[in-house]
Amino acid sequence: FFWRLHPQQVEAELFLTKSFWPELPNHVDAAYEHPSRDLMFIFRGRKFWALNGYDILEGYPRKISDLGFPKEVKRLSAA
C-alpha cells in the first residue's frame, strides 16, 4: 500500500501498490521520490525500480550496487 496526495484533493488516499504498478514486487523495503525530476524509486532486496507516473522506466530493475552501495548491502530499509 501507499499514500497518495493529489493536488485536487484535501486528504491523502490509501492505494494498493499493485493497482498502479502490477510489475513491482509485493513487498517494498523503501521508496524515495525525486519531485523535481518527477521520479519515484522503489527498493526491494538488491534491486530498485525507477518510476515516472504509471510507467517503470526502461532498463529497470537495476542492482542497488549501481547506485554505489557496496555489494555486501543486501537491502535498504529507508530512503
PDB file of N, CA and C in Angstrom:
ATOM      1  N   PHE A   1       0.832  -1.187   0.000  1.00  0.00           N
ATOM      2  CA  PHE A   1       0.000   0.000   0.000  1.00  0.00           C
ATOM      3  C   PHE A   1       0.872   1.244   0.000  1.00  0.00           C
ATOM      4  N   PHE A   2       0.306   2.351  -0.459  1.00  0.00           N
ATOM      5  CA  PHE A   2       0.986   3.635  -0.363  1.00  0.00           C
ATOM      6  C   PHE A   2      -0.059   4.738  -0.242  1.00  0.00           C
ATOM      7  N   TRP A   3       0.369   5.854   0.339  1.00  0.00           N
ATOM      8  CA  TRP A   3      -0.497   7.025   0.465  1.00  0.00           C
ATOM      9  C   TRP A   3      -0.240   7.937  -0.719  1.00  0.00           C
ATOM     10  N   ARG A   4      -1.314   8.453  -1.303  1.00  0.00           N
ATOM     11  CA  ARG A   4      -1.188   9.346  -2.452  1.00  0.00           C
ATOM     12  C   ARG A   4      -1.933  10.637  -2.153  1.00  0.00           C
ATOM     13  N   LEU A   5      -1.237  11.744  -2.323  1.00  0.00           N
ATOM     14  CA  LEU A   5      -1.839  13.061  -2.151  1.00  0.00           C
ATOM     15  C   LEU A   5      -1.878  13.727  -3.514  1.00  0.00           C
ATOM     16  N   HIS A   6      -3.066  14.034  -3.960  1.00  0.00           N
ATOM     17  CA  HIS A   6      -3.263  14.660  -5.267  1.00  0.00           C
ATOM     18  C   HIS A   6      -3.555  16.142  -5.048  1.00  0.00           C
ATOM     19  N   PRO A   7      -3.030  17.026  -5.904  1.00  0.00           N
ATOM     20  CA  PRO A   7      -3.237  18.467  -5.729  1.00  0.00           C
ATOM     21  C   PRO A   7      -4.710  18.887  -5.669  1.00  0.00           C
ATOM     22  N   GLN A   8      -5.592  18.103  -6.276  1.00  0.00           N
ATOM     23  CA  GLN A   8      -7.009  18.464  -6.295  1.00  0.00           C
ATOM     24  C   GLN A   8      -7.791  17.860  -5.129  1.00  0.00           C
ATOM     25  N   GLN A   9      -7.090  17.198  -4.199  1.00  0.00           N
ATOM     26  CA  GLN A   9      -7.756  16.587  -3.056  1.00  0.00           C
ATOM     27  C   GLN A   9      -7.190  17.154  -1.761  1.00  0.00           C
ATOM     28  N   VAL A  10      -8.035  17.184  -0.745  1.00  0.00           N
ATOM     29  CA  VAL A  10      -7.636  17.729   0.543  1.00  0.00           C
ATOM     30  C   VAL A  10      -6.861  16.696   1.366  1.00  0.00           C
ATOM     31  N   GLU A  11      -7.279  15.441   1.297  1.00  0.00           N
ATOM     32  CA  GLU A  11      -6.662  14.399   2.108  1.00  0.00           C
ATOM     33  C   GLU A  11      -5.986  13.341   1.240  1.00  0.00           C
ATOM     34  N   ALA A  12      -4.964  12.721   1.804  1.00  0.00           N
ATOM     35  CA  ALA A  12      -4.276  11.625   1.119  1.00  0.00           C
ATOM     36  C   ALA A  12      -5.163  10.386   1.117  1.00  0.00           C
ATOM     37  N   GLU A  13      -5.003   9.561   0.085  1.00  0.00           N
ATOM     38  CA  GLU A  13      -5.766   8.320  -0.031  1.00  0.00           C
ATOM     39  C   GLU A  13      -4.809   7.139  -0.017  1.00  0.00           C
ATOM     40  N   LEU A  14      -5.280   6.019   0.517  1.00  0.00           N
ATOM     41  CA  LEU A  14      -4.503   4.792   0.571  1.00  0.00           C
ATOM     42  C   LEU A  14      -4.814   3.947  -0.661  1.00  0.00           C
ATOM     43  N   PHE A  15      -3.758   3.507  -1.359  1.00  0.00           N
ATOM     44  CA  PHE A  15      -3.922   2.707  -2.574  1.00  0.00           C
ATOM     45  C   PHE A  15      -3.083   1.441  -2.486  1.00  0.00           C
ATOM     46  N   LEU A  16      -3.535   0.404  -3.152  1.00  0.00           N
ATOM     47  CA  LEU A  16      -2.773  -0.828  -3.302  1.00  0.00           C
ATOM     48  C   LEU A  16      -1.713  -0.596  -4.375  1.00  0.00           C
ATOM     49  N   THR A  17      -0.469  -0.845  -4.049  1.00  0.00           N
ATOM     50  CA  THR A  17       0.635  -0.607  -4.983  1.00  0.00           C
ATOM     51  C   THR A  17       0.424  -1.327  -6.307  1.00  0.00           C
ATOM     52  N   LYS A  18      -0.044  -2.565  -6.245  1.00  0.00           N
ATOM     53  CA  LYS A  18      -0.254  -3.362  -7.464  1.00  0.00           C
ATOM     54  C   LYS A  18      -1.294  -2.744  -8.396  1.00  0.00           C
ATOM     55  N   SER A  19      -2.184  -1.902  -7.873  1.00  0.00           N
ATOM     56  CA  SER A  19      -3.188  -1.276  -8.740  1.00  0.00           C
ATOM     57  C   SER A  19      -2.557  -0.217  -9.651  1.00  0.00           C
ATOM     58  N   PHE A  20      -1.408   0.323  -9.275  1.00  0.00           N
ATOM     59  CA  PHE A  20      -0.704   1.305 -10.099  1.00  0.00           C
ATOM     60  C   PHE A  20       0.435   0.668 -10.890  1.00  0.00           C
ATOM     61  N   TRP A  21       1.181  -0.236 -10.233  1.00  0.00           N
ATOM     62  CA  TRP A  21       2.365  -0.844 -10.842  1.00  0.00           C
ATOM     63  C   TRP A  21       2.339  -2.352 -10.602  1.00  0.00           C
ATOM     64  N   PRO A  22       1.593  -3.109 -11.400  1.00  0.00           N
ATOM     65  CA  PRO A  22       1.476  -4.556 -11.172  1.00  0.00           C
ATOM     66  C   PRO A  22       2.796  -5.313 -11.321  1.00  0.00           C
ATOM     67  N   GLU A  23       3.784  -4.726 -11.996  1.00  0.00           N
ATOM     68  CA  GLU A  23       5.057  -5.409 -12.214  1.00  0.00           C
ATOM     69  C   GLU A  23       5.972  -5.366 -10.995  1.00  0.00           C
ATOM     70  N   LEU A  24       5.679  -4.489 -10.026  1.00  0.00           N
ATOM     71  CA  LEU A  24       6.539  -4.373  -8.850  1.00  0.00           C
ATOM     72  C   LEU A  24       6.339  -5.553  -7.909  1.00  0.00           C
ATOM     73  N   PRO A  25       7.351  -5.833  -7.065  1.00  0.00           N
ATOM     74  CA  PRO A  25       7.197  -6.924  -6.098  1.00  0.00           C
ATOM     75  C   PRO A  25       6.125  -6.591  -5.066  1.00  0.00           C
ATOM     76  N   ASN A  26       5.609  -7.638  -4.412  1.00  0.00           N
ATOM     77  CA  ASN A  26       4.552  -7.441  -3.417  1.00  0.00           C
ATOM     78  C   ASN A  26       5.011  -6.634  -2.216  1.00  0.00           C
ATOM     79  N   HIS A  27       6.226  -6.844  -1.783  1.00  0.00           N
ATOM     80  CA  HIS A  27       6.742  -6.148  -0.605  1.00  0.00           C
ATOM     81  C   HIS A  27       7.849  -5.199  -1.034  1.00  0.00           C
ATOM     82  N   VAL A  28       7.848  -4.011  -0.468  1.00  0.00           N
ATOM     83  CA  VAL A  28       8.829  -2.979  -0.789  1.00  0.00           C
ATOM     84  C   VAL A  28       9.615  -2.672   0.482  1.00  0.00           C
ATOM     85  N   ASP A  29      10.935  -2.535   0.360  1.00  0.00           N
ATOM     86  CA  ASP A  29      11.774  -2.208   1.513  1.00  0.00           C
ATOM     87  C   ASP A  29      11.824  -0.708   1.773  1.00  0.00           C
ATOM     88  N   ALA A  30      11.872   0.084   0.713  1.00  0.00           N
ATOM     89  CA  ALA A  30      11.993   1.537   0.851  1.00  0.00           C
ATOM     90  C   ALA A  30      11.547   2.200  -0.445  1.00  0.00           C
ATOM     91  N   ALA A  31      11.232   3.486  -0.344  1.00  0.00           N
ATOM     92  CA  ALA A  31      10.841   4.268  -1.524  1.00  0.00           C
ATOM     93  C   ALA A  31      11.368   5.688  -1.354  1.00  0.00           C
ATOM     94  N   TYR A  32      11.660   6.330  -2.479  1.00  0.00           N
ATOM     95  CA  TYR A  32      12.166   7.695  -2.475  1.00  0.00           C
ATOM     96  C   TYR A  32      11.570   8.428  -3.669  1.00  0.00           C
ATOM     97  N   GLU A  33      11.062   9.633  -3.423  1.00  0.00           N
ATOM     98  CA  GLU A  33      10.519  10.448  -4.517  1.00  0.00           C
ATOM     99  C   GLU A  33      11.470  11.602  -4.800  1.00  0.00           C
ATOM    100  N   HIS A  34      11.724  11.835  -6.079  1.00  0.00           N
ATOM    101  CA  HIS A  34      12.541  12.965  -6.534  1.00  0.00           C
ATOM    102  C   HIS A  34      11.588  13.889  -7.292  1.00  0.00           C
ATOM    103  N   PRO A  35      10.897  14.806  -6.580  1.00  0.00           N
ATOM    104  CA  PRO A  35       9.835  15.607  -7.202  1.00  0.00           C
ATOM    105  C   PRO A  35      10.275  16.448  -8.399  1.00  0.00           C
ATOM    106  N   SER A  36      11.460  17.051  -8.342  1.00  0.00           N
ATOM    107  CA  SER A  36      11.865  17.927  -9.446  1.00  0.00           C
ATOM    108  C   SER A  36      12.122  17.151 -10.735  1.00  0.00           C
ATOM    109  N   ARG A  37      12.434  15.863 -10.621  1.00  0.00           N
ATOM    110  CA  ARG A  37      12.624  15.020 -11.810  1.00  0.00           C
ATOM    111  C   ARG A  37      11.384  14.185 -12.109  1.00  0.00           C
ATOM    112  N   ASP A  38      10.357  14.308 -11.258  1.00  0.00           N
ATOM    113  CA  ASP A  38       9.114  13.548 -11.404  1.00  0.00           C
ATOM    114  C   ASP A  38       9.393  12.047 -11.444  1.00  0.00           C
ATOM    115  N   LEU A  39      10.250  11.596 -10.520  1.00  0.00           N
ATOM    116  CA  LEU A  39      10.621  10.185 -10.452  1.00  0.00           C
ATOM    117  C   LEU A  39      10.386   9.642  -9.051  1.00  0.00           C
ATOM    118  N   MET A  40      10.070   8.362  -8.986  1.00  0.00           N
ATOM    119  CA  MET A  40       9.999   7.652  -7.724  1.00  0.00           C
ATOM    120  C   MET A  40      10.880   6.418  -7.852  1.00  0.00           C
ATOM    121  N   PHE A  41      11.611   6.127  -6.787  1.00  0.00           N
ATOM    122  CA  PHE A  41      12.476   4.958  -6.758  1.00  0.00           C
ATOM    123  C   PHE A  41      11.951   3.990  -5.709  1.00  0.00           C
ATOM    124  N   ILE A  42      11.781   2.740  -6.099  1.00  0.00           N
ATOM    125  CA  ILE A  42      11.276   1.684  -5.228  1.00  0.00           C
ATOM    126  C   ILE A  42      12.404   0.676  -5.024  1.00  0.00           C
ATOM    127  N   PHE A  43      12.644   0.308  -3.768  1.00  0.00           N
ATOM    128  CA  PHE A  43      13.730  -0.603  -3.422  1.00  0.00           C
ATOM    129  C   PHE A  43      13.183  -1.887  -2.819  1.00  0.00           C
ATOM    130  N   ARG A  44      13.693  -3.005  -3.300  1.00  0.00           N
ATOM    131  CA  ARG A  44      13.333  -4.319  -2.775  1.00  0.00           C
ATOM    132  C   ARG A  44      14.555  -5.222  -2.898  1.00  0.00           C
ATOM    133  N   GLY A  45      15.057  -5.693  -1.759  1.00  0.00           N
ATOM    134  CA  GLY A  45      16.253  -6.524  -1.784  1.00  0.00           C
ATOM    135  C   GLY A  45      17.405  -5.776  -2.432  1.00  0.00           C
ATOM    136  N   ARG A  46      18.093  -6.429  -3.329  1.00  0.00           N
ATOM    137  CA  ARG A  46      19.244  -5.813  -4.004  1.00  0.00           C
ATOM    138  C   ARG A  46      18.868  -5.120  -5.305  1.00  0.00           C
ATOM    139  N   LYS A  47      17.578  -4.941  -5.538  1.00  0.00           N
ATOM    140  CA  LYS A  47      17.113  -4.309  -6.781  1.00  0.00           C
ATOM    141  C   LYS A  47      16.366  -3.012  -6.489  1.00  0.00           C
ATOM    142  N   PHE A  48      16.323  -2.148  -7.513  1.00  0.00           N
ATOM    143  CA  PHE A  48      15.479  -0.956  -7.417  1.00  0.00           C
ATOM    144  C   PHE A  48      14.886  -0.639  -8.783  1.00  0.00           C
ATOM    145  N   TRP A  49      13.741   0.038  -8.749  1.00  0.00           N
ATOM    146  CA  TRP A  49      12.996   0.422  -9.940  1.00  0.00           C
ATOM    147  C   TRP A  49      12.860   1.934  -9.947  1.00  0.00           C
ATOM    148  N   ALA A  50      12.860   2.533 -11.122  1.00  0.00           N
ATOM    149  CA  ALA A  50      12.594   3.954 -11.289  1.00  0.00           C
ATOM    150  C   ALA A  50      11.245   4.087 -11.989  1.00  0.00           C
ATOM    151  N   LEU A  51      10.370   4.908 -11.418  1.00  0.00           N
ATOM    152  CA  LEU A  51       9.024   5.086 -11.947  1.00  0.00           C
ATOM    153  C   LEU A  51       8.807   6.531 -12.344  1.00  0.00           C
ATOM    154  N   ASN A  52       8.109   6.711 -13.442  1.00  0.00           N
ATOM    155  CA  ASN A  52       7.665   8.030 -13.875  1.00  0.00           C
ATOM    156  C   ASN A  52       6.174   7.901 -14.112  1.00  0.00           C
ATOM    157  N   GLY A  53       5.386   8.471 -13.210  1.00  0.00           N
ATOM    158  CA  GLY A  53       3.937   8.294 -13.310  1.00  0.00           C
ATOM    159  C   GLY A  53       3.582   6.833 -13.138  1.00  0.00           C
ATOM    160  N   TYR A  54       2.864   6.287 -14.103  1.00  0.00           N
ATOM    161  CA  TYR A  54       2.452   4.886 -14.051  1.00  0.00           C
ATOM    162  C   TYR A  54       3.452   3.952 -14.733  1.00  0.00           C
ATOM    163  N   ASP A  55       4.546   4.496 -15.236  1.00  0.00           N
ATOM    164  CA  ASP A  55       5.489   3.708 -16.031  1.00  0.00           C
ATOM    165  C   ASP A  55       6.767   3.384 -15.267  1.00  0.00           C
ATOM    166  N   ILE A  56       7.226   2.142 -15.417  1.00  0.00           N
ATOM    167  CA  ILE A  56       8.549   1.757 -14.947  1.00  0.00           C
ATOM    168  C   ILE A  56       9.515   2.077 -16.081  1.00  0.00           C
ATOM    169  N   LEU A  57      10.562   2.829 -15.780  1.00  0.00           N
ATOM    170  CA  LEU A  57      11.494   3.236 -16.822  1.00  0.00           C
ATOM    171  C   LEU A  57      12.232   2.037 -17.409  1.00  0.00           C
ATOM    172  N   GLU A  58      12.563   2.155 -18.676  1.00  0.00           N
ATOM    173  CA  GLU A  58      13.291   1.095 -19.377  1.00  0.00           C
ATOM    174  C   GLU A  58      14.644   0.869 -18.708  1.00  0.00           C
ATOM    175  N   GLY A  59      15.038  -0.379 -18.626  1.00  0.00           N
ATOM    176  CA  GLY A  59      16.320  -0.718 -18.025  1.00  0.00           C
ATOM    177  C   GLY A  59      16.236  -1.062 -16.545  1.00  0.00           C
ATOM    178  N   TYR A  60      15.037  -1.048 -16.002  1.00  0.00           N
ATOM    179  CA  TYR A  60      14.838  -1.374 -14.586  1.00  0.00           C
ATOM    180  C   TYR A  60      14.038  -2.651 -14.472  1.00  0.00           C
ATOM    181  N   PRO A  61      14.279  -3.422 -13.411  1.00  0.00           N
ATOM    182  CA  PRO A  61      15.046  -3.110 -12.209  1.00  0.00           C
ATOM    183  C   PRO A  61      16.556  -3.177 -12.451  1.00  0.00           C
ATOM    184  N   ARG A  62      17.255  -2.447 -11.585  1.00  0.00           N
ATOM    185  CA  ARG A  62      18.711  -2.455 -11.581  1.00  0.00           C
ATOM    186  C   ARG A  62      19.197  -2.845 -10.191  1.00  0.00           C
ATOM    187  N   LYS A  63      20.477  -3.135 -10.070  1.00  0.00           N
ATOM    188  CA  LYS A  63      21.067  -3.501  -8.781  1.00  0.00           C
ATOM    189  C   LYS A  63      21.364  -2.243  -7.967  1.00  0.00           C
ATOM    190  N   ILE A  64      21.156  -2.323  -6.639  1.00  0.00           N
ATOM    191  CA  ILE A  64      21.459  -1.163  -5.800  1.00  0.00           C
ATOM    192  C   ILE A  64      22.951  -0.856  -5.806  1.00  0.00           C
ATOM    193  N   SER A  65      23.775  -1.829  -6.156  1.00  0.00           N
ATOM    194  CA  SER A  65      25.218  -1.558  -6.269  1.00  0.00           C
ATOM    195  C   SER A  65      25.493  -0.564  -7.400  1.00  0.00           C
ATOM    196  N   ASP A  66      24.571  -0.440  -8.367  1.00  0.00           N
ATOM    197  CA  ASP A  66      24.709   0.564  -9.434  1.00  0.00           C
ATOM    198  C   ASP A  66      24.636   1.984  -8.876  1.00  0.00           C
ATOM    199  N   LEU A  67      24.072   2.130  -7.670  1.00  0.00           N
ATOM    200  CA  LEU A  67      23.980   3.440  -7.018  1.00  0.00           C
ATOM    201  C   LEU A  67      25.210   3.741  -6.164  1.00  0.00           C
ATOM    202  N   GLY A  68      26.135   2.789  -6.106  1.00  0.00           N
ATOM    203  CA  GLY A  68      27.350   2.989  -5.330  1.00  0.00           C
ATOM    204  C   GLY A  68      27.369   2.262  -3.999  1.00  0.00           C
ATOM    205  N   PHE A  69      26.307   1.533  -3.677  1.00  0.00           N
ATOM    206  CA  PHE A  69      26.307   0.757  -2.438  1.00  0.00           C
ATOM    207  C   PHE A  69      27.243  -0.438  -2.599  1.00  0.00           C
ATOM    208  N   PRO A  70      27.949  -0.805  -1.522  1.00  0.00           N
ATOM    209  CA  PRO A  70      28.807  -1.996  -1.595  1.00  0.00           C
ATOM    210  C   PRO A  70      27.979  -3.240  -1.892  1.00  0.00           C
ATOM    211  N   LYS A  71      28.574  -4.197  -2.551  1.00  0.00           N
ATOM    212  CA  LYS A  71      27.856  -5.430  -2.909  1.00  0.00           C
ATOM    213  C   LYS A  71      27.407  -6.206  -1.677  1.00  0.00           C
ATOM    214  N   GLU A  72      27.999  -5.927  -0.508  1.00  0.00           N
ATOM    215  CA  GLU A  72      27.600  -6.598   0.730  1.00  0.00           C
ATOM    216  C   GLU A  72      26.232  -6.128   1.226  1.00  0.00           C
ATOM    217  N   VAL A  73      25.789  -4.963   0.776  1.00  0.00           N
ATOM    218  CA  VAL A  73      24.476  -4.447   1.188  1.00  0.00           C
ATOM    219  C   VAL A  73      23.410  -5.285   0.504  1.00  0.00           C
ATOM    220  N   LYS A  74      22.565  -5.911   1.320  1.00  0.00           N
ATOM    221  CA  LYS A  74      21.546  -6.820   0.790  1.00  0.00           C
ATOM    222  C   LYS A  74      20.208  -6.141   0.558  1.00  0.00           C
ATOM    223  N   ARG A  75      19.966  -5.034   1.255  1.00  0.00           N
ATOM    224  CA  ARG A  75      18.710  -4.313   1.070  1.00  0.00           C
ATOM    225  C   ARG A  75      18.800  -2.966   1.769  1.00  0.00           C
ATOM    226  N   LEU A  76      17.920  -2.061   1.397  1.00  0.00           N
ATOM    227  CA  LEU A  76      17.796  -0.766   2.065  1.00  0.00           C
ATOM    228  C   LEU A  76      16.542  -0.802   2.927  1.00  0.00           C
ATOM    229  N   SER A  77      16.605  -0.198   4.096  1.00  0.00           N
ATOM    230  CA  SER A  77      15.426  -0.178   4.956  1.00  0.00           C
ATOM    231  C   SER A  77      14.823   1.216   5.063  1.00  0.00           C
ATOM    232  N   ALA A  78      15.485   2.204   4.491  1.00  0.00           N
ATOM    233  CA  ALA A  78      14.954   3.570   4.475  1.00  0.00           C
ATOM    234  C   ALA A  78      15.606   4.318   3.320  1.00  0.00           C
ATOM    235  N   ALA A  79      14.872   5.268   2.769  1.00  0.00           N
ATOM    236  CA  ALA A  79      15.421   6.072   1.673  1.00  0.00           C
ATOM    237  C   ALA A  79      14.991   7.515   1.848  1.00  0.00           C
TER     238      ALA A  79
END
